[in-house]
Amino acid sequence: MYETLAHAAQTWGLIYFVVIFAAVLVYALWPGNKKRFEDAARRPLDED
């Protein structure tokens, strides 16, 4: 019973993390977010 439950948890956990990773990757590479990330990258160099 424990081995079956542990195997299922590992499998679903892996699927969960792959889906989350793919969502973050799509968000980071989405063309509409390019300006937001460029602004964030330049922010430490701005002299205010």
PDB file of N, CA and C in Angstrom:
ATOM      1  N   MET A   1       0.820  -1.188   0.000  1.00  0.00           N
ATOM      2  CA  MET A   1       0.000   0.000   0.000  1.00  0.00           C
ATOM      3  C   MET A   1       0.874   1.266   0.000  1.00  0.00           C
ATOM      4  N   TYR A   2       1.883   1.301   0.887  1.00  0.00           N
ATOM      5  CA  TYR A   2       2.749   2.478   0.978  1.00  0.00           C
ATOM      6  C   TYR A   2       3.505   2.701  -0.330  1.00  0.00           C
ATOM      7  N   GLU A   3       4.015   1.621  -0.912  1.00  0.00           N
ATOM      8  CA  GLU A   3       4.780   1.751  -2.147  1.00  0.00           C
ATOM      9  C   GLU A   3       3.910   2.279  -3.288  1.00  0.00           C
ATOM     10  N   THR A   4       2.678   1.828  -3.353  1.00  0.00           N
ATOM     11  CA  THR A   4       1.752   2.302  -4.373  1.00  0.00           C
ATOM     12  C   THR A   4       1.460   3.785  -4.187  1.00  0.00           C
ATOM     13  N   LEU A   5       1.212   4.192  -2.946  1.00  0.00           N
ATOM     14  CA  LEU A   5       0.926   5.591  -2.648  1.00  0.00           C
ATOM     15  C   LEU A   5       2.147   6.469  -2.907  1.00  0.00           C
ATOM     16  N   ALA A   6       3.335   6.000  -2.525  1.00  0.00           N
ATOM     17  CA  ALA A   6       4.558   6.762  -2.759  1.00  0.00           C
ATOM     18  C   ALA A   6       4.827   6.911  -4.255  1.00  0.00           C
ATOM     19  N   HIS A   7       4.623   5.869  -5.011  1.00  0.00           N
ATOM     20  CA  HIS A   7       4.829   5.927  -6.460  1.00  0.00           C
ATOM     21  C   HIS A   7       3.843   6.914  -7.101  1.00  0.00           C
ATOM     22  N   ALA A   8       2.590   6.875  -6.689  1.00  0.00           N
ATOM     23  CA  ALA A   8       1.583   7.790  -7.237  1.00  0.00           C
ATOM     24  C   ALA A   8       1.928   9.232  -6.879  1.00  0.00           C
ATOM     25  N   ALA A   9       2.367   9.474  -5.653  1.00  0.00           N
ATOM     26  CA  ALA A   9       2.718  10.830  -5.235  1.00  0.00           C
ATOM     27  C   ALA A   9       3.925  11.343  -6.022  1.00  0.00           C
ATOM     28  N   GLN A  10       4.907  10.487  -6.255  1.00  0.00           N
ATOM     29  CA  GLN A  10       6.075  10.893  -7.031  1.00  0.00           C
ATOM     30  C   GLN A  10       5.690  11.202  -8.476  1.00  0.00           C
ATOM     31  N   THR A  11       4.854  10.389  -9.050  1.00  0.00           N
ATOM     32  CA  THR A  11       4.430  10.586 -10.440  1.00  0.00           C
ATOM     33  C   THR A  11       3.638  11.877 -10.581  1.00  0.00           C
ATOM     34  N   TRP A  12       2.642  12.079  -9.729  1.00  0.00           N
ATOM     35  CA  TRP A  12       1.818  13.283  -9.818  1.00  0.00           C
ATOM     36  C   TRP A  12       2.612  14.516  -9.424  1.00  0.00           C
ATOM     37  N   GLY A  13       3.537  14.378  -8.496  1.00  0.00           N
ATOM     38  CA  GLY A  13       4.395  15.502  -8.143  1.00  0.00           C
ATOM     39  C   GLY A  13       5.264  15.928  -9.311  1.00  0.00           C
ATOM     40  N   LEU A  14       5.819  14.967 -10.029  1.00  0.00           N
ATOM     41  CA  LEU A  14       6.625  15.270 -11.201  1.00  0.00           C
ATOM     42  C   LEU A  14       5.791  15.966 -12.270  1.00  0.00           C
ATOM     43  N   ILE A  15       4.608  15.455 -12.516  1.00  0.00           N
ATOM     44  CA  ILE A  15       3.725  16.072 -13.507  1.00  0.00           C
ATOM     45  C   ILE A  15       3.377  17.492 -13.079  1.00  0.00           C
ATOM     46  N   TYR A  16       3.083  17.694 -11.810  1.00  0.00           N
ATOM     47  CA  TYR A  16       2.749  19.009 -11.275  1.00  0.00           C
ATOM     48  C   TYR A  16       3.903  19.987 -11.495  1.00  0.00           C
ATOM     49  N   PHE A  17       5.117  19.599 -11.151  1.00  0.00           N
ATOM     50  CA  PHE A  17       6.256  20.497 -11.292  1.00  0.00           C
ATOM     51  C   PHE A  17       6.592  20.770 -12.758  1.00  0.00           C
ATOM     52  N   VAL A  18       6.409  19.809 -13.634  1.00  0.00           N
ATOM     53  CA  VAL A  18       6.644  20.036 -15.063  1.00  0.00           C
ATOM     54  C   VAL A  18       5.625  21.045 -15.598  1.00  0.00           C
ATOM     55  N   VAL A  19       4.381  20.942 -15.186  1.00  0.00           N
ATOM     56  CA  VAL A  19       3.347  21.883 -15.627  1.00  0.00           C
ATOM     57  C   VAL A  19       3.648  23.283 -15.097  1.00  0.00           C
ATOM     58  N   ILE A  20       4.034  23.399 -13.831  1.00  0.00           N
ATOM     59  CA  ILE A  20       4.372  24.705 -13.258  1.00  0.00           C
ATOM     60  C   ILE A  20       5.583  25.294 -13.974  1.00  0.00           C
ATOM     61  N   PHE A  21       6.609  24.479 -14.230  1.00  0.00           N
ATOM     62  CA  PHE A  21       7.799  24.954 -14.933  1.00  0.00           C
ATOM     63  C   PHE A  21       7.442  25.451 -16.325  1.00  0.00           C
ATOM     64  N   ALA A  22       6.596  24.716 -17.034  1.00  0.00           N
ATOM     65  CA  ALA A  22       6.187  25.124 -18.381  1.00  0.00           C
ATOM     66  C   ALA A  22       5.407  26.435 -18.330  1.00  0.00           C
ATOM     67  N   ALA A  23       4.552  26.607 -17.334  1.00  0.00           N
ATOM     68  CA  ALA A  23       3.787  27.847 -17.208  1.00  0.00           C
ATOM     69  C   ALA A  23       4.710  29.037 -16.941  1.00  0.00           C
ATOM     70  N   VAL A  24       5.701  28.866 -16.077  1.00  0.00           N
ATOM     71  CA  VAL A  24       6.646  29.941 -15.799  1.00  0.00           C
ATOM     72  C   VAL A  24       7.466  30.258 -17.044  1.00  0.00           C
ATOM     73  N   LEU A  25       7.873  29.252 -17.771  1.00  0.00           N
ATOM     74  CA  LEU A  25       8.645  29.451 -18.987  1.00  0.00           C
ATOM     75  C   LEU A  25       7.825  30.213 -20.037  1.00  0.00           C
ATOM     76  N   VAL A  26       6.577  29.839 -20.216  1.00  0.00           N
ATOM     77  CA  VAL A  26       5.716  30.533 -21.167  1.00  0.00           C
ATOM     78  C   VAL A  26       5.530  31.985 -20.731  1.00  0.00           C
ATOM     79  N   TYR A  27       5.324  32.214 -19.449  1.00  0.00           N
ATOM     80  CA  TYR A  27       5.163  33.586 -18.941  1.00  0.00           C
ATOM     81  C   TYR A  27       6.420  34.414 -19.195  1.00  0.00           C
ATOM     82  N   ALA A  28       7.577  33.838 -18.943  1.00  0.00           N
ATOM     83  CA  ALA A  28       8.832  34.576 -19.092  1.00  0.00           C
ATOM     84  C   ALA A  28       9.149  34.872 -20.554  1.00  0.00           C
ATOM     85  N   LEU A  29       8.750  34.011 -21.453  1.00  0.00           N
ATOM     86  CA  LEU A  29       9.080  34.189 -22.864  1.00  0.00           C
ATOM     87  C   LEU A  29       7.943  34.790 -23.692  1.00  0.00           C
ATOM     88  N   TRP A  30       6.826  35.119 -23.055  1.00  0.00           N
ATOM     89  CA  TRP A  30       5.694  35.689 -23.773  1.00  0.00           C
ATOM     90  C   TRP A  30       6.084  37.067 -24.307  1.00  0.00           C
ATOM     91  N   PRO A  31       5.845  37.318 -25.594  1.00  0.00           N
ATOM     92  CA  PRO A  31       6.282  38.582 -26.196  1.00  0.00           C
ATOM     93  C   PRO A  31       5.721  39.828 -25.502  1.00  0.00           C
ATOM     94  N   GLY A  32       4.544  39.751 -24.954  1.00  0.00           N
ATOM     95  CA  GLY A  32       3.942  40.901 -24.284  1.00  0.00           C
ATOM     96  C   GLY A  32       4.653  41.304 -23.007  1.00  0.00           C
ATOM     97  N   ASN A  33       5.438  40.418 -22.429  1.00  0.00           N
ATOM     98  CA  ASN A  33       6.152  40.706 -21.183  1.00  0.00           C
ATOM     99  C   ASN A  33       7.562  41.229 -21.414  1.00  0.00           C
ATOM    100  N   LYS A  34       7.969  41.365 -22.663  1.00  0.00           N
ATOM    101  CA  LYS A  34       9.342  41.755 -22.958  1.00  0.00           C
ATOM    102  C   LYS A  34       9.684  43.119 -22.359  1.00  0.00           C
ATOM    103  N   LYS A  35       8.815  44.109 -22.543  1.00  0.00           N
ATOM    104  CA  LYS A  35       9.102  45.445 -22.025  1.00  0.00           C
ATOM    105  C   LYS A  35       9.179  45.431 -20.494  1.00  0.00           C
ATOM    106  N   ARG A  36       8.315  44.692 -19.856  1.00  0.00           N
ATOM    107  CA  ARG A  36       8.323  44.614 -18.394  1.00  0.00           C
ATOM    108  C   ARG A  36       9.658  44.066 -17.886  1.00  0.00           C
ATOM    109  N   PHE A  37      10.171  43.026 -18.527  1.00  0.00           N
ATOM    110  CA  PHE A  37      11.431  42.438 -18.091  1.00  0.00           C
ATOM    111  C   PHE A  37      12.619  43.325 -18.452  1.00  0.00           C
ATOM    112  N   GLU A  38      12.545  44.011 -19.589  1.00  0.00           N
ATOM    113  CA  GLU A  38      13.624  44.941 -19.939  1.00  0.00           C
ATOM    114  C   GLU A  38      13.670  46.108 -18.949  1.00  0.00           C
ATOM    115  N   ASP A  39      12.512  46.616 -18.569  1.00  0.00           N
ATOM    116  CA  ASP A  39      12.468  47.691 -17.571  1.00  0.00           C
ATOM    117  C   ASP A  39      13.021  47.220 -16.226  1.00  0.00           C
ATOM    118  N   ALA A  40      12.671  46.013 -15.832  1.00  0.00           N
ATOM    119  CA  ALA A  40      13.169  45.474 -14.564  1.00  0.00           C
ATOM    120  C   ALA A  40      14.691  45.262 -14.615  1.00  0.00           C
ATOM    121  N   ALA A  41      15.211  44.897 -15.776  1.00  0.00           N
ATOM    122  CA  ALA A  41      16.649  44.683 -15.905  1.00  0.00           C
ATOM    123  C   ALA A  41      17.419  45.999 -15.838  1.00  0.00           C
ATOM    124  N   ARG A  42      16.812  47.065 -16.318  1.00  0.00           N
ATOM    125  CA  ARG A  42      17.487  48.375 -16.306  1.00  0.00           C
ATOM    126  C   ARG A  42      17.301  49.127 -14.998  1.00  0.00           C
ATOM    127  N   ARG A  43      16.368  48.751 -14.188  1.00  0.00           N
ATOM    128  CA  ARG A  43      16.028  49.469 -12.964  1.00  0.00           C
ATOM    129  C   ARG A  43      17.234  49.664 -12.028  1.00  0.00           C
ATOM    130  N   PRO A  44      18.087  48.675 -11.822  1.00  0.00           N
ATOM    131  CA  PRO A  44      19.232  48.914 -10.927  1.00  0.00           C
ATOM    132  C   PRO A  44      20.227  49.947 -11.492  1.00  0.00           C
ATOM    133  N   LEU A  45      20.199  50.181 -12.787  1.00  0.00           N
ATOM    134  CA  LEU A  45      21.145  51.115 -13.393  1.00  0.00           C
ATOM    135  C   LEU A  45      20.622  52.546 -13.454  1.00  0.00           C
ATOM    136  N   ASP A  46      19.328  52.712 -13.174  1.00  0.00           N
ATOM    137  CA  ASP A  46      18.737  54.044 -13.204  1.00  0.00           C
ATOM    138  C   ASP A  46      19.230  54.869 -12.018  1.00  0.00           C
ATOM    139  N   GLU A  47      19.572  56.110 -12.286  1.00  0.00           N
ATOM    140  CA  GLU A  47      19.972  57.016 -11.210  1.00  0.00           C
ATOM    141  C   GLU A  47      18.799  57.931 -10.902  1.00  0.00           C
ATOM    142  N   ASP A  48      18.230  57.754  -9.756  1.00  0.00           N
ATOM    143  CA  ASP A  48      17.102  58.602  -9.357  1.00  0.00           C
ATOM    144  C   ASP A  48      17.487  59.491  -8.205  1.00  0.00           C
TER     145      ASP A  48
END
